[in-house]
């Protein structure tokens, strides 16, 4: 679920470190050859961050990172997710978690293109909340605590039910 149209331009996520590339490769999301041959991806040997009169340099030794268009990465990730059965909705806004026996099993949401904002429900085996640490949804979830959980993000707690077993 994405609250805006896809893909959106975002200022962050335009650089991937060697460690992140390895995760994407190990998870079979990218192949180095296909990924690096794309015109939207540029190989880099390090990064340098600037803030006011200070800077910090990180050089990649015997490896490389990449700079890329965030929209390209988003499309690669969405394509791989869809290939693996993920249902994706855009222009929707999640309002609540659906619980069954203290397990997160779905979300309530509305289509932001519909002025009535009628709530709908989507059931799911796995719920990933990637709205950011400071989002309203993360703050809402930070006050919830369940008797068991297996995923804990910075301030949001959920547990997952898969075939009636906790994972």
Foldseek 3Di string as FASTA:
>chain_A
DAQADPPDADPPDQKFFPVRVVVCVVVVLDDCVVVPVDPQKDKAQWDKDDDDPDIDIDGHPPTIMIGGGVRVVVVSVVVVCVVVPDDDDYNKDWDAFDDDPQAGFWTWIARNVDPVRDIDIDGHQDDDDDPDCPDPVLVVQLPDDGPDADDDDPRHTHWGADPNDTD
